[in-house]
Every structure is written in C-alpha cells, then in structure tokens.
Amino acid sequence: MYLTVKQQVKQISKEEYRIIKSLSHIAKNLTNEAIYNVRQHYFSEKKYLSYKENNRLLKSSPNYRKLNSNMAQQILKEVDGEFQSFFALLEKAKRNNYPLSSVKLPKYLSKKGFTTLFVRLNGNRLTIPYSNSFKKEHKTITITIPQILEGKKIKEIRIKPKSEARYFEIQYTYEVEENQRELNTNEALGIDFGVNNLATVYPPQESHS
C-alpha cells in the first residue's frame, strides 16, 4: 500500500520561492493548453484526443519548452487521466448507468493560478528539474527529504501550491509492505448504535466446552 508524507517548503530564499512560483504558473498554463486541445477535439470530432497526440501537439508550446520534459509529460498525463474519467462516465450515462447531468468536462484553471509540479528524487535530496533554457537563467534548487523517508521506496513527489501559492507543500507518496494479520473472530467486539445511547458494546462471547 501507499502512504503520504507532507513537508512544507521552508528555508529557501525569496529568489528560490519566486522560481518555484514561476514554474507552478507555467505548469498551470500548460495544463490549460492541454485541456483546451482535448475539449476542442471533442467538440469538433466528438472523439477523445489521446495523451500521445496531445503531447505531440504541445511539444512546440513555449510553456512545454520552459518545463523539464518529464514534468511537462506528467502534467499532460494528469489531464489525460481527468478526461479518461470524463469519457468513462459519459459511456456509463449513455447506457443509463449514470446521470448525464453529473458528467462534467474538466474545467480550465484560473488564468492567474498555479498548479502542481512533479519532481524526482536523487538520493536523499530532490532537485527541482529545469529545461535547458530555464536552467540558463535560474539557480538550482535542492531540498533535503524528511529523515522518515530515507530508505523508503518513493513512488511520486508532488510540489503543490497552497493559499494561492503563498507557500508550497511537498507530498511524498511511498510504498510500504502491507502485513496480513490473522484475526480471531471469536474475540471481536459487537457494537450496536442506538437512538438514546451512542452505542452499546458487547464483549467477545466466551467459548463453552
């Protein structure tokens, strides 16, 4: 199973904060471009525009080129996932298995807004990835991960804007082994929720020989 550890981005300079904020805004711009492409394709063709095709269309976008390619691709995959959910619900609605009124096209993010950045780990430190062009004009930002995560198998790292990007939070999702426990059903409590009392609890039944 997967667990998440959250870490507020602290101990960075004002310049480093502005860099992260700028990247988050660029990521928002690319997200809206991706949403626009899929929506317009659906309106004109009544078909789904795949991640692969959207990625091809957006590779020349200034926003795409300002971001690290892995980060840009991950953003497009997030948009793709939202639209896959939309089309899956649309198909259910066509079969009368879901209310059509509840099927909503993914919406654009605020023009002045920000969105999630996707980063990767290098040892016990993460470095905010840049494109080659962005790297020429901005200093590298490196952040040490929490000690609790050292040695853990980290699946995903997201940097999320909070309070309109007044600060940022890093979310580390990591994998842990799920231990199967042998439960003795004879030692289970019985709980009966009541009207006048919150609940009545019955102790485990004693075994009789």
N, C-alpha and C. Protein backbone atom coordinates (compact mmCIF):
# COMPACT_ATOMS: atom_id res chain seq x y z
N MET A 1 0.84 -1.18 0.00
CA MET A 1 0.00 0.00 0.00
C MET A 1 0.88 1.24 0.00
N TYR A 2 0.22 2.39 -0.21
CA TYR A 2 0.96 3.64 -0.31
C TYR A 2 0.56 4.60 0.81
N LEU A 3 1.56 5.30 1.34
CA LEU A 3 1.35 6.32 2.36
C LEU A 3 1.94 7.64 1.84
N THR A 4 1.50 8.74 2.46
CA THR A 4 1.97 10.05 2.03
C THR A 4 2.53 10.84 3.21
N VAL A 5 3.69 11.45 3.00
CA VAL A 5 4.28 12.36 3.98
C VAL A 5 4.29 13.75 3.35
N LYS A 6 3.87 14.77 4.14
CA LYS A 6 3.82 16.13 3.64
C LYS A 6 4.89 16.98 4.31
N GLN A 7 5.49 17.86 3.53
CA GLN A 7 6.57 18.71 4.03
C GLN A 7 6.39 20.11 3.45
N GLN A 8 6.26 21.10 4.31
CA GLN A 8 6.16 22.47 3.82
C GLN A 8 7.53 22.93 3.36
N VAL A 9 7.57 23.60 2.21
CA VAL A 9 8.84 24.08 1.67
C VAL A 9 9.29 25.28 2.50
N LYS A 10 10.37 25.09 3.24
CA LYS A 10 10.91 26.15 4.09
C LYS A 10 12.40 26.33 3.81
N GLN A 11 12.96 27.29 4.47
CA GLN A 11 14.40 27.56 4.39
C GLN A 11 14.88 27.70 2.95
N ILE A 12 14.09 28.42 2.17
CA ILE A 12 14.52 28.77 0.82
C ILE A 12 14.53 30.29 0.72
N SER A 13 15.32 30.80 -0.18
CA SER A 13 15.43 32.25 -0.34
C SER A 13 14.22 32.80 -1.11
N LYS A 14 14.07 34.10 -1.09
CA LYS A 14 12.99 34.73 -1.85
C LYS A 14 13.12 34.43 -3.34
N GLU A 15 14.36 34.39 -3.81
CA GLU A 15 14.59 34.09 -5.23
C GLU A 15 14.14 32.66 -5.55
N GLU A 16 14.47 31.72 -4.66
CA GLU A 16 14.08 30.33 -4.89
C GLU A 16 12.56 30.17 -4.84
N TYR A 17 11.92 30.89 -3.92
CA TYR A 17 10.45 30.86 -3.85
C TYR A 17 9.85 31.39 -5.16
N ARG A 18 10.40 32.47 -5.68
CA ARG A 18 9.88 33.04 -6.93
C ARG A 18 10.06 32.08 -8.10
N ILE A 19 11.15 31.32 -8.08
CA ILE A 19 11.39 30.35 -9.15
C ILE A 19 10.33 29.24 -9.12
N ILE A 20 10.09 28.70 -7.92
CA ILE A 20 9.08 27.64 -7.79
C ILE A 20 7.70 28.18 -8.18
N LYS A 21 7.40 29.40 -7.76
CA LYS A 21 6.12 30.01 -8.09
C LYS A 21 5.98 30.20 -9.60
N SER A 22 7.05 30.63 -10.23
CA SER A 22 7.04 30.82 -11.69
C SER A 22 6.80 29.50 -12.42
N LEU A 23 7.48 28.44 -11.99
CA LEU A 23 7.30 27.13 -12.61
C LEU A 23 5.88 26.62 -12.41
N SER A 24 5.32 26.85 -11.23
CA SER A 24 3.96 26.42 -10.94
C SER A 24 2.96 27.14 -11.84
N HIS A 25 3.23 28.39 -12.14
CA HIS A 25 2.35 29.16 -13.04
C HIS A 25 2.49 28.67 -14.48
N ILE A 26 3.71 28.38 -14.89
CA ILE A 26 3.94 27.84 -16.23
C ILE A 26 3.25 26.49 -16.38
N ALA A 27 3.33 25.67 -15.33
CA ALA A 27 2.66 24.37 -15.33
C ALA A 27 1.15 24.53 -15.48
N LYS A 28 0.60 25.58 -14.84
CA LYS A 28 -0.83 25.87 -14.98
C LYS A 28 -1.17 26.22 -16.42
N ASN A 29 -0.30 27.03 -17.04
CA ASN A 29 -0.52 27.41 -18.45
C ASN A 29 -0.54 26.19 -19.35
N LEU A 30 0.40 25.27 -19.13
CA LEU A 30 0.45 24.06 -19.95
C LEU A 30 -0.77 23.18 -19.70
N THR A 31 -1.19 23.11 -18.45
CA THR A 31 -2.41 22.35 -18.12
C THR A 31 -3.60 22.87 -18.91
N ASN A 32 -3.76 24.19 -18.96
CA ASN A 32 -4.89 24.77 -19.69
C ASN A 32 -4.77 24.55 -21.19
N GLU A 33 -3.56 24.58 -21.71
CA GLU A 33 -3.36 24.28 -23.13
C GLU A 33 -3.79 22.85 -23.44
N ALA A 34 -3.41 21.94 -22.57
CA ALA A 34 -3.75 20.53 -22.77
C ALA A 34 -5.26 20.33 -22.69
N ILE A 35 -5.91 20.98 -21.71
CA ILE A 35 -7.36 20.89 -21.57
C ILE A 35 -8.04 21.47 -22.81
N TYR A 36 -7.55 22.60 -23.30
CA TYR A 36 -8.12 23.23 -24.49
C TYR A 36 -8.08 22.27 -25.69
N ASN A 37 -6.95 21.63 -25.92
CA ASN A 37 -6.81 20.72 -27.06
C ASN A 37 -7.82 19.58 -27.00
N VAL A 38 -7.95 18.98 -25.82
CA VAL A 38 -8.85 17.83 -25.70
C VAL A 38 -10.31 18.28 -25.83
N ARG A 39 -10.65 19.39 -25.23
CA ARG A 39 -12.03 19.90 -25.31
C ARG A 39 -12.40 20.24 -26.75
N GLN A 40 -11.51 20.96 -27.45
CA GLN A 40 -11.81 21.36 -28.82
C GLN A 40 -11.91 20.15 -29.75
N HIS A 41 -11.08 19.18 -29.52
CA HIS A 41 -11.13 17.95 -30.33
C HIS A 41 -12.46 17.23 -30.10
N TYR A 42 -12.90 17.24 -28.86
CA TYR A 42 -14.17 16.59 -28.54
C TYR A 42 -15.34 17.35 -29.17
N PHE A 43 -15.31 18.69 -29.11
CA PHE A 43 -16.39 19.49 -29.68
C PHE A 43 -16.49 19.31 -31.20
N SER A 44 -15.32 19.24 -31.85
CA SER A 44 -15.32 19.18 -33.32
C SER A 44 -15.45 17.76 -33.86
N GLU A 45 -14.83 16.80 -33.17
CA GLU A 45 -14.79 15.43 -33.69
C GLU A 45 -15.65 14.45 -32.89
N LYS A 46 -16.10 14.89 -31.72
CA LYS A 46 -16.83 14.01 -30.81
C LYS A 46 -16.00 12.78 -30.44
N LYS A 47 -14.71 12.99 -30.36
CA LYS A 47 -13.79 11.90 -30.04
C LYS A 47 -12.80 12.36 -28.98
N TYR A 48 -12.13 11.38 -28.43
CA TYR A 48 -11.12 11.61 -27.38
C TYR A 48 -9.76 11.85 -28.03
N LEU A 49 -9.07 12.90 -27.59
CA LEU A 49 -7.71 13.18 -28.04
C LEU A 49 -6.74 12.51 -27.08
N SER A 50 -5.95 11.56 -27.56
CA SER A 50 -5.09 10.78 -26.68
C SER A 50 -3.95 11.61 -26.11
N TYR A 51 -3.38 11.11 -25.02
CA TYR A 51 -2.20 11.75 -24.42
C TYR A 51 -1.08 11.85 -25.44
N LYS A 52 -0.87 10.78 -26.19
CA LYS A 52 0.24 10.73 -27.16
C LYS A 52 0.09 11.83 -28.20
N GLU A 53 -1.12 12.02 -28.71
CA GLU A 53 -1.35 13.04 -29.72
C GLU A 53 -1.26 14.45 -29.12
N ASN A 54 -1.79 14.61 -27.92
CA ASN A 54 -1.72 15.91 -27.26
C ASN A 54 -0.27 16.29 -26.96
N ASN A 55 0.51 15.32 -26.54
CA ASN A 55 1.92 15.56 -26.27
C ASN A 55 2.64 16.01 -27.55
N ARG A 56 2.30 15.38 -28.67
CA ARG A 56 2.91 15.76 -29.95
C ARG A 56 2.55 17.20 -30.32
N LEU A 57 1.28 17.56 -30.11
CA LEU A 57 0.82 18.90 -30.46
C LEU A 57 1.46 19.99 -29.60
N LEU A 58 1.75 19.66 -28.36
CA LEU A 58 2.21 20.68 -27.41
C LEU A 58 3.73 20.77 -27.25
N LYS A 59 4.46 19.89 -27.89
CA LYS A 59 5.92 19.91 -27.73
C LYS A 59 6.56 21.23 -28.16
N SER A 60 5.92 21.93 -29.06
CA SER A 60 6.45 23.22 -29.52
C SER A 60 5.91 24.40 -28.71
N SER A 61 5.05 24.13 -27.74
CA SER A 61 4.49 25.19 -26.91
C SER A 61 5.57 25.84 -26.06
N PRO A 62 5.60 27.17 -25.96
CA PRO A 62 6.58 27.84 -25.09
C PRO A 62 6.50 27.36 -23.64
N ASN A 63 5.30 27.08 -23.16
CA ASN A 63 5.16 26.59 -21.78
C ASN A 63 5.76 25.20 -21.62
N TYR A 64 5.54 24.34 -22.59
CA TYR A 64 6.11 22.99 -22.57
C TYR A 64 7.64 23.07 -22.56
N ARG A 65 8.19 23.96 -23.39
CA ARG A 65 9.64 24.06 -23.55
C ARG A 65 10.32 24.71 -22.34
N LYS A 66 9.56 25.48 -21.55
CA LYS A 66 10.14 26.08 -20.35
C LYS A 66 10.27 25.07 -19.21
N LEU A 67 9.48 24.00 -19.28
CA LEU A 67 9.49 22.98 -18.23
C LEU A 67 10.40 21.83 -18.61
N ASN A 68 10.90 21.13 -17.60
CA ASN A 68 11.59 19.88 -17.84
C ASN A 68 10.63 18.93 -18.57
N SER A 69 11.12 18.17 -19.55
CA SER A 69 10.25 17.34 -20.38
C SER A 69 9.47 16.31 -19.57
N ASN A 70 10.12 15.70 -18.55
CA ASN A 70 9.42 14.72 -17.72
C ASN A 70 8.27 15.37 -16.96
N MET A 71 8.52 16.59 -16.46
CA MET A 71 7.47 17.29 -15.73
C MET A 71 6.32 17.66 -16.67
N ALA A 72 6.65 18.15 -17.86
CA ALA A 72 5.62 18.52 -18.83
C ALA A 72 4.77 17.31 -19.20
N GLN A 73 5.42 16.18 -19.43
CA GLN A 73 4.69 14.97 -19.80
C GLN A 73 3.78 14.50 -18.66
N GLN A 74 4.26 14.62 -17.43
CA GLN A 74 3.45 14.21 -16.29
C GLN A 74 2.20 15.09 -16.17
N ILE A 75 2.35 16.38 -16.46
CA ILE A 75 1.21 17.29 -16.43
C ILE A 75 0.17 16.86 -17.47
N LEU A 76 0.63 16.51 -18.67
CA LEU A 76 -0.29 16.07 -19.72
C LEU A 76 -0.96 14.75 -19.35
N LYS A 77 -0.24 13.89 -18.65
CA LYS A 77 -0.84 12.62 -18.20
C LYS A 77 -1.92 12.86 -17.16
N GLU A 78 -1.71 13.87 -16.30
CA GLU A 78 -2.74 14.20 -15.32
C GLU A 78 -4.02 14.68 -16.02
N VAL A 79 -3.86 15.53 -17.02
CA VAL A 79 -5.01 16.00 -17.79
C VAL A 79 -5.67 14.82 -18.50
N ASP A 80 -4.86 13.95 -19.07
CA ASP A 80 -5.38 12.77 -19.77
C ASP A 80 -6.21 11.90 -18.83
N GLY A 81 -5.73 11.74 -17.59
CA GLY A 81 -6.46 10.94 -16.62
C GLY A 81 -7.82 11.53 -16.31
N GLU A 82 -7.89 12.86 -16.20
CA GLU A 82 -9.17 13.53 -15.93
C GLU A 82 -10.15 13.30 -17.07
N PHE A 83 -9.66 13.39 -18.31
CA PHE A 83 -10.56 13.21 -19.45
C PHE A 83 -10.94 11.75 -19.64
N GLN A 84 -10.05 10.84 -19.30
CA GLN A 84 -10.43 9.43 -19.36
C GLN A 84 -11.58 9.15 -18.41
N SER A 85 -11.53 9.76 -17.23
CA SER A 85 -12.63 9.60 -16.28
C SER A 85 -13.92 10.20 -16.84
N PHE A 86 -13.80 11.36 -17.49
CA PHE A 86 -14.96 12.01 -18.09
C PHE A 86 -15.60 11.11 -19.15
N PHE A 87 -14.79 10.57 -20.05
CA PHE A 87 -15.33 9.74 -21.13
C PHE A 87 -15.88 8.41 -20.59
N ALA A 88 -15.29 7.89 -19.55
CA ALA A 88 -15.80 6.65 -18.95
C ALA A 88 -17.19 6.89 -18.35
N LEU A 89 -17.36 8.04 -17.67
CA LEU A 89 -18.68 8.38 -17.11
C LEU A 89 -19.68 8.68 -18.22
N LEU A 90 -19.21 9.28 -19.31
CA LEU A 90 -20.09 9.58 -20.43
C LEU A 90 -20.64 8.29 -21.03
N GLU A 91 -19.80 7.29 -21.15
CA GLU A 91 -20.24 6.00 -21.67
C GLU A 91 -21.26 5.34 -20.74
N LYS A 92 -21.03 5.47 -19.45
CA LYS A 92 -21.99 4.92 -18.48
C LYS A 92 -23.33 5.64 -18.58
N ALA A 93 -23.27 6.96 -18.79
CA ALA A 93 -24.50 7.74 -18.91
C ALA A 93 -25.28 7.34 -20.16
N LYS A 94 -24.55 7.04 -21.23
CA LYS A 94 -25.22 6.62 -22.47
C LYS A 94 -25.94 5.30 -22.29
N ARG A 95 -25.47 4.48 -21.35
CA ARG A 95 -26.11 3.19 -21.07
C ARG A 95 -27.10 3.31 -19.90
N ASN A 96 -27.38 4.57 -19.53
CA ASN A 96 -28.32 4.84 -18.42
C ASN A 96 -27.85 4.26 -17.09
N ASN A 97 -26.53 4.16 -16.93
CA ASN A 97 -25.96 3.66 -15.67
C ASN A 97 -25.39 4.79 -14.82
N TYR A 98 -25.58 6.03 -15.29
CA TYR A 98 -25.04 7.17 -14.55
C TYR A 98 -25.80 8.40 -15.02
N PRO A 99 -26.13 9.33 -14.12
CA PRO A 99 -26.89 10.53 -14.55
C PRO A 99 -26.06 11.44 -15.44
N LEU A 100 -26.58 11.74 -16.63
CA LEU A 100 -25.85 12.57 -17.58
C LEU A 100 -25.57 13.96 -17.02
N SER A 101 -26.46 14.46 -16.19
CA SER A 101 -26.29 15.80 -15.61
C SER A 101 -25.08 15.90 -14.70
N SER A 102 -24.58 14.75 -14.24
CA SER A 102 -23.42 14.74 -13.34
C SER A 102 -22.10 14.59 -14.10
N VAL A 103 -22.17 14.42 -15.41
CA VAL A 103 -20.95 14.26 -16.22
C VAL A 103 -20.48 15.65 -16.65
N LYS A 104 -19.33 16.07 -16.14
CA LYS A 104 -18.83 17.41 -16.41
C LYS A 104 -17.46 17.36 -17.09
N LEU A 105 -17.30 18.15 -18.14
CA LEU A 105 -15.99 18.28 -18.77
C LEU A 105 -15.00 18.92 -17.80
N PRO A 106 -13.76 18.45 -17.77
CA PRO A 106 -12.75 19.12 -16.95
C PRO A 106 -12.65 20.60 -17.30
N LYS A 107 -12.56 21.44 -16.27
CA LYS A 107 -12.55 22.88 -16.47
C LYS A 107 -11.13 23.43 -16.49
N TYR A 108 -11.02 24.62 -17.05
CA TYR A 108 -9.73 25.32 -17.06
C TYR A 108 -9.38 25.81 -15.66
N LEU A 109 -8.09 25.90 -15.40
CA LEU A 109 -7.62 26.51 -14.16
C LEU A 109 -7.63 28.03 -14.31
N SER A 110 -7.64 28.72 -13.20
CA SER A 110 -7.65 30.18 -13.22
C SER A 110 -6.44 30.72 -13.98
N LYS A 111 -6.69 31.78 -14.77
CA LYS A 111 -5.60 32.36 -15.56
C LYS A 111 -4.45 32.84 -14.68
N LYS A 112 -4.78 33.31 -13.48
CA LYS A 112 -3.76 33.81 -12.56
C LYS A 112 -3.31 32.74 -11.57
N GLY A 113 -3.73 31.51 -11.81
CA GLY A 113 -3.49 30.46 -10.83
C GLY A 113 -2.18 29.71 -10.98
N PHE A 114 -2.10 28.62 -10.23
CA PHE A 114 -0.89 27.80 -10.16
C PHE A 114 -1.33 26.34 -10.07
N THR A 115 -0.40 25.45 -10.35
CA THR A 115 -0.74 24.03 -10.21
C THR A 115 0.49 23.22 -9.81
N THR A 116 0.28 21.92 -9.70
CA THR A 116 1.28 21.00 -9.14
C THR A 116 2.50 20.83 -10.04
N LEU A 117 3.66 20.71 -9.39
CA LEU A 117 4.90 20.36 -10.08
C LEU A 117 5.27 18.93 -9.70
N PHE A 118 5.80 18.19 -10.65
CA PHE A 118 6.21 16.80 -10.42
C PHE A 118 7.73 16.72 -10.46
N VAL A 119 8.32 16.15 -9.42
CA VAL A 119 9.78 16.09 -9.35
C VAL A 119 10.23 14.66 -9.02
N ARG A 120 11.53 14.43 -9.19
CA ARG A 120 12.10 13.12 -8.90
C ARG A 120 13.20 13.24 -7.86
N LEU A 121 13.51 12.12 -7.26
CA LEU A 121 14.47 12.09 -6.16
C LEU A 121 15.85 11.66 -6.65
N ASN A 122 16.87 12.25 -6.02
CA ASN A 122 18.25 11.85 -6.29
C ASN A 122 18.93 11.63 -4.94
N GLY A 123 18.97 10.35 -4.51
CA GLY A 123 19.48 10.05 -3.18
C GLY A 123 18.49 10.51 -2.13
N ASN A 124 18.97 11.29 -1.15
CA ASN A 124 18.06 11.81 -0.12
C ASN A 124 17.74 13.29 -0.36
N ARG A 125 17.96 13.73 -1.56
CA ARG A 125 17.68 15.12 -1.91
C ARG A 125 16.91 15.17 -3.22
N LEU A 126 16.05 16.16 -3.33
CA LEU A 126 15.36 16.36 -4.60
C LEU A 126 15.81 17.69 -5.19
N THR A 127 15.96 17.69 -6.48
CA THR A 127 16.33 18.90 -7.21
C THR A 127 15.19 19.26 -8.14
N ILE A 128 14.74 20.51 -8.07
CA ILE A 128 13.66 20.94 -8.95
C ILE A 128 14.17 20.86 -10.39
N PRO A 129 13.54 20.05 -11.24
CA PRO A 129 14.05 19.89 -12.62
C PRO A 129 13.72 21.08 -13.50
N TYR A 130 14.69 21.50 -14.31
CA TYR A 130 14.51 22.60 -15.25
C TYR A 130 14.71 22.10 -16.68
N SER A 131 14.16 22.84 -17.62
CA SER A 131 14.52 22.64 -19.02
C SER A 131 15.89 23.28 -19.23
N ASN A 132 16.52 22.99 -20.34
CA ASN A 132 17.85 23.57 -20.62
C ASN A 132 17.78 25.08 -20.70
N SER A 133 16.72 25.62 -21.31
CA SER A 133 16.61 27.07 -21.45
C SER A 133 16.36 27.74 -20.10
N PHE A 134 15.51 27.11 -19.26
CA PHE A 134 15.20 27.68 -17.94
C PHE A 134 16.44 27.62 -17.04
N LYS A 135 17.24 26.58 -17.21
CA LYS A 135 18.43 26.37 -16.38
C LYS A 135 19.45 27.48 -16.58
N LYS A 136 19.50 28.05 -17.77
CA LYS A 136 20.49 29.08 -18.09
C LYS A 136 20.24 30.37 -17.31
N GLU A 137 18.99 30.59 -16.89
CA GLU A 137 18.65 31.87 -16.27
C GLU A 137 18.25 31.76 -14.81
N HIS A 138 18.24 30.53 -14.25
CA HIS A 138 17.77 30.37 -12.88
C HIS A 138 18.69 29.43 -12.09
N LYS A 139 18.83 29.73 -10.82
CA LYS A 139 19.70 28.92 -9.96
C LYS A 139 19.01 27.61 -9.60
N THR A 140 19.82 26.60 -9.33
CA THR A 140 19.31 25.28 -8.96
C THR A 140 18.75 25.30 -7.54
N ILE A 141 17.63 24.60 -7.35
CA ILE A 141 17.01 24.50 -6.03
C ILE A 141 17.05 23.04 -5.60
N THR A 142 17.67 22.77 -4.44
CA THR A 142 17.77 21.42 -3.92
C THR A 142 17.19 21.38 -2.51
N ILE A 143 16.38 20.35 -2.23
CA ILE A 143 15.70 20.23 -0.94
C ILE A 143 15.96 18.84 -0.37
N THR A 144 16.31 18.79 0.92
CA THR A 144 16.54 17.51 1.61
C THR A 144 15.21 16.92 2.04
N ILE A 145 15.02 15.62 1.81
CA ILE A 145 13.77 14.98 2.17
C ILE A 145 13.74 14.70 3.67
N PRO A 146 12.56 14.53 4.26
CA PRO A 146 12.46 14.21 5.69
C PRO A 146 13.18 12.88 6.01
N GLN A 147 13.78 12.82 7.18
CA GLN A 147 14.53 11.62 7.56
C GLN A 147 13.67 10.36 7.57
N ILE A 148 12.39 10.52 7.88
CA ILE A 148 11.49 9.37 7.94
C ILE A 148 11.40 8.63 6.61
N LEU A 149 11.76 9.33 5.51
CA LEU A 149 11.64 8.74 4.18
C LEU A 149 12.93 8.09 3.68
N GLU A 150 14.00 8.25 4.42
CA GLU A 150 15.28 7.68 3.98
C GLU A 150 15.18 6.17 3.92
N GLY A 151 15.54 5.62 2.77
CA GLY A 151 15.48 4.18 2.57
C GLY A 151 14.13 3.67 2.10
N LYS A 152 13.13 4.56 2.02
CA LYS A 152 11.80 4.17 1.58
C LYS A 152 11.72 4.16 0.05
N LYS A 153 10.82 3.36 -0.48
CA LYS A 153 10.58 3.30 -1.92
C LYS A 153 9.56 4.35 -2.29
N ILE A 154 10.05 5.51 -2.74
CA ILE A 154 9.18 6.64 -3.04
C ILE A 154 8.64 6.50 -4.46
N LYS A 155 7.32 6.54 -4.57
CA LYS A 155 6.65 6.36 -5.86
C LYS A 155 6.46 7.68 -6.60
N GLU A 156 6.15 8.74 -5.87
CA GLU A 156 5.83 10.00 -6.52
C GLU A 156 6.09 11.17 -5.58
N ILE A 157 6.54 12.29 -6.16
CA ILE A 157 6.75 13.51 -5.39
C ILE A 157 6.04 14.65 -6.11
N ARG A 158 5.19 15.34 -5.40
CA ARG A 158 4.46 16.49 -5.94
C ARG A 158 4.75 17.73 -5.10
N ILE A 159 4.93 18.85 -5.77
CA ILE A 159 5.03 20.14 -5.08
C ILE A 159 3.75 20.90 -5.39
N LYS A 160 2.93 21.11 -4.35
CA LYS A 160 1.60 21.69 -4.55
C LYS A 160 1.54 23.12 -4.00
N PRO A 161 0.99 24.04 -4.78
CA PRO A 161 0.81 25.41 -4.27
C PRO A 161 -0.32 25.46 -3.26
N LYS A 162 -0.14 26.22 -2.20
CA LYS A 162 -1.14 26.37 -1.16
C LYS A 162 -1.45 27.86 -0.96
N SER A 163 -2.72 28.15 -0.67
CA SER A 163 -3.16 29.54 -0.43
C SER A 163 -2.71 30.46 -1.56
N GLU A 164 -3.07 30.05 -2.80
CA GLU A 164 -2.74 30.82 -4.00
C GLU A 164 -1.23 31.03 -4.12
N ALA A 165 -0.49 29.96 -3.83
CA ALA A 165 0.97 29.94 -3.97
C ALA A 165 1.69 30.87 -2.99
N ARG A 166 1.03 31.17 -1.85
CA ARG A 166 1.75 31.92 -0.82
C ARG A 166 2.83 31.05 -0.20
N TYR A 167 2.60 29.73 -0.23
CA TYR A 167 3.64 28.79 0.15
C TYR A 167 3.41 27.49 -0.61
N PHE A 168 4.38 26.57 -0.52
CA PHE A 168 4.29 25.31 -1.26
C PHE A 168 4.48 24.13 -0.30
N GLU A 169 3.84 23.04 -0.64
CA GLU A 169 3.91 21.82 0.16
C GLU A 169 4.39 20.66 -0.73
N ILE A 170 5.35 19.91 -0.22
CA ILE A 170 5.82 18.73 -0.96
C ILE A 170 5.10 17.51 -0.41
N GLN A 171 4.54 16.72 -1.30
CA GLN A 171 3.86 15.49 -0.91
C GLN A 171 4.64 14.29 -1.47
N TYR A 172 5.15 13.47 -0.54
CA TYR A 172 5.90 12.27 -0.92
C TYR A 172 4.98 11.06 -0.76
N THR A 173 4.75 10.33 -1.82
CA THR A 173 3.98 9.09 -1.75
C THR A 173 4.95 7.93 -1.83
N TYR A 174 4.93 7.07 -0.81
CA TYR A 174 5.89 5.96 -0.79
C TYR A 174 5.18 4.64 -0.52
N GLU A 175 5.85 3.57 -0.89
CA GLU A 175 5.26 2.23 -0.80
C GLU A 175 5.72 1.52 0.47
N VAL A 176 4.80 0.86 1.13
CA VAL A 176 5.13 0.05 2.30
C VAL A 176 4.47 -1.31 2.15
N GLU A 177 5.11 -2.31 2.74
CA GLU A 177 4.53 -3.65 2.69
C GLU A 177 3.35 -3.72 3.64
N GLU A 178 2.28 -4.32 3.17
CA GLU A 178 1.09 -4.47 3.99
C GLU A 178 1.12 -5.82 4.68
N ASN A 179 1.20 -5.79 6.00
CA ASN A 179 1.27 -7.04 6.76
C ASN A 179 -0.13 -7.62 6.96
N GLN A 180 -0.28 -8.87 6.57
CA GLN A 180 -1.56 -9.55 6.79
C GLN A 180 -1.61 -10.10 8.22
N ARG A 181 -2.66 -9.77 8.92
CA ARG A 181 -2.79 -10.21 10.31
C ARG A 181 -3.85 -11.29 10.41
N GLU A 182 -3.56 -12.29 11.23
CA GLU A 182 -4.55 -13.33 11.48
C GLU A 182 -5.47 -12.86 12.60
N LEU A 183 -6.74 -12.73 12.28
CA LEU A 183 -7.70 -12.22 13.24
C LEU A 183 -8.52 -13.36 13.84
N ASN A 184 -8.74 -13.27 15.13
CA ASN A 184 -9.59 -14.24 15.84
C ASN A 184 -10.99 -13.65 15.92
N THR A 185 -11.89 -14.17 15.09
CA THR A 185 -13.24 -13.61 15.04
C THR A 185 -14.02 -13.85 16.33
N ASN A 186 -13.54 -14.80 17.16
CA ASN A 186 -14.22 -15.06 18.42
C ASN A 186 -13.95 -13.98 19.46
N GLU A 187 -12.97 -13.12 19.16
CA GLU A 187 -12.61 -12.07 20.10
C GLU A 187 -13.00 -10.68 19.58
N ALA A 188 -13.98 -10.64 18.70
CA ALA A 188 -14.43 -9.37 18.14
C ALA A 188 -15.51 -8.74 19.01
N LEU A 189 -15.45 -7.42 19.17
CA LEU A 189 -16.47 -6.69 19.90
C LEU A 189 -17.70 -6.48 19.02
N GLY A 190 -18.87 -6.53 19.62
CA GLY A 190 -20.09 -6.19 18.92
C GLY A 190 -20.52 -4.78 19.30
N ILE A 191 -20.82 -3.93 18.31
CA ILE A 191 -21.21 -2.55 18.57
C ILE A 191 -22.56 -2.29 17.94
N ASP A 192 -23.51 -1.85 18.78
CA ASP A 192 -24.87 -1.58 18.32
C ASP A 192 -25.16 -0.10 18.57
N PHE A 193 -25.25 0.70 17.46
CA PHE A 193 -25.52 2.13 17.60
C PHE A 193 -26.99 2.34 17.94
N GLY A 194 -27.23 3.16 18.96
CA GLY A 194 -28.59 3.34 19.44
C GLY A 194 -29.15 4.71 19.18
N VAL A 195 -30.40 4.92 19.64
CA VAL A 195 -31.08 6.20 19.48
C VAL A 195 -30.81 7.09 20.68
N ASN A 196 -31.05 6.57 21.88
CA ASN A 196 -30.84 7.34 23.10
C ASN A 196 -29.39 7.29 23.56
N ASN A 197 -28.76 6.14 23.36
CA ASN A 197 -27.33 6.00 23.68
C ASN A 197 -26.53 5.97 22.38
N LEU A 198 -25.30 6.49 22.47
CA LEU A 198 -24.46 6.49 21.28
C LEU A 198 -24.26 5.09 20.75
N ALA A 199 -23.91 4.14 21.65
CA ALA A 199 -23.67 2.77 21.21
C ALA A 199 -23.68 1.85 22.41
N THR A 200 -24.03 0.60 22.14
CA THR A 200 -23.92 -0.45 23.14
C THR A 200 -22.85 -1.43 22.65
N VAL A 201 -21.89 -1.71 23.51
CA VAL A 201 -20.76 -2.59 23.12
C VAL A 201 -20.90 -3.93 23.82
N TYR A 202 -20.84 -4.99 23.04
CA TYR A 202 -20.94 -6.34 23.56
C TYR A 202 -19.55 -6.98 23.56
N PRO A 203 -19.10 -7.54 24.69
CA PRO A 203 -17.79 -8.19 24.74
C PRO A 203 -17.79 -9.47 23.93
N PRO A 204 -16.58 -9.97 23.58
CA PRO A 204 -16.50 -11.23 22.84
C PRO A 204 -17.19 -12.35 23.62
N GLN A 205 -17.85 -13.22 22.88
CA GLN A 205 -18.52 -14.34 23.53
C GLN A 205 -17.48 -15.34 24.02
N GLU A 206 -17.68 -15.80 25.25
CA GLU A 206 -16.77 -16.78 25.79
C GLU A 206 -17.09 -18.15 25.22
N SER A 207 -16.06 -18.91 24.93
CA SER A 207 -16.27 -20.25 24.37
C SER A 207 -16.67 -21.19 25.51
N HIS A 208 -17.57 -22.08 25.23
CA HIS A 208 -18.04 -23.04 26.21
C HIS A 208 -17.67 -24.44 25.74
N SER A 209 -17.18 -25.22 26.68
CA SER A 209 -16.80 -26.59 26.33
C SER A 209 -17.95 -27.52 26.66
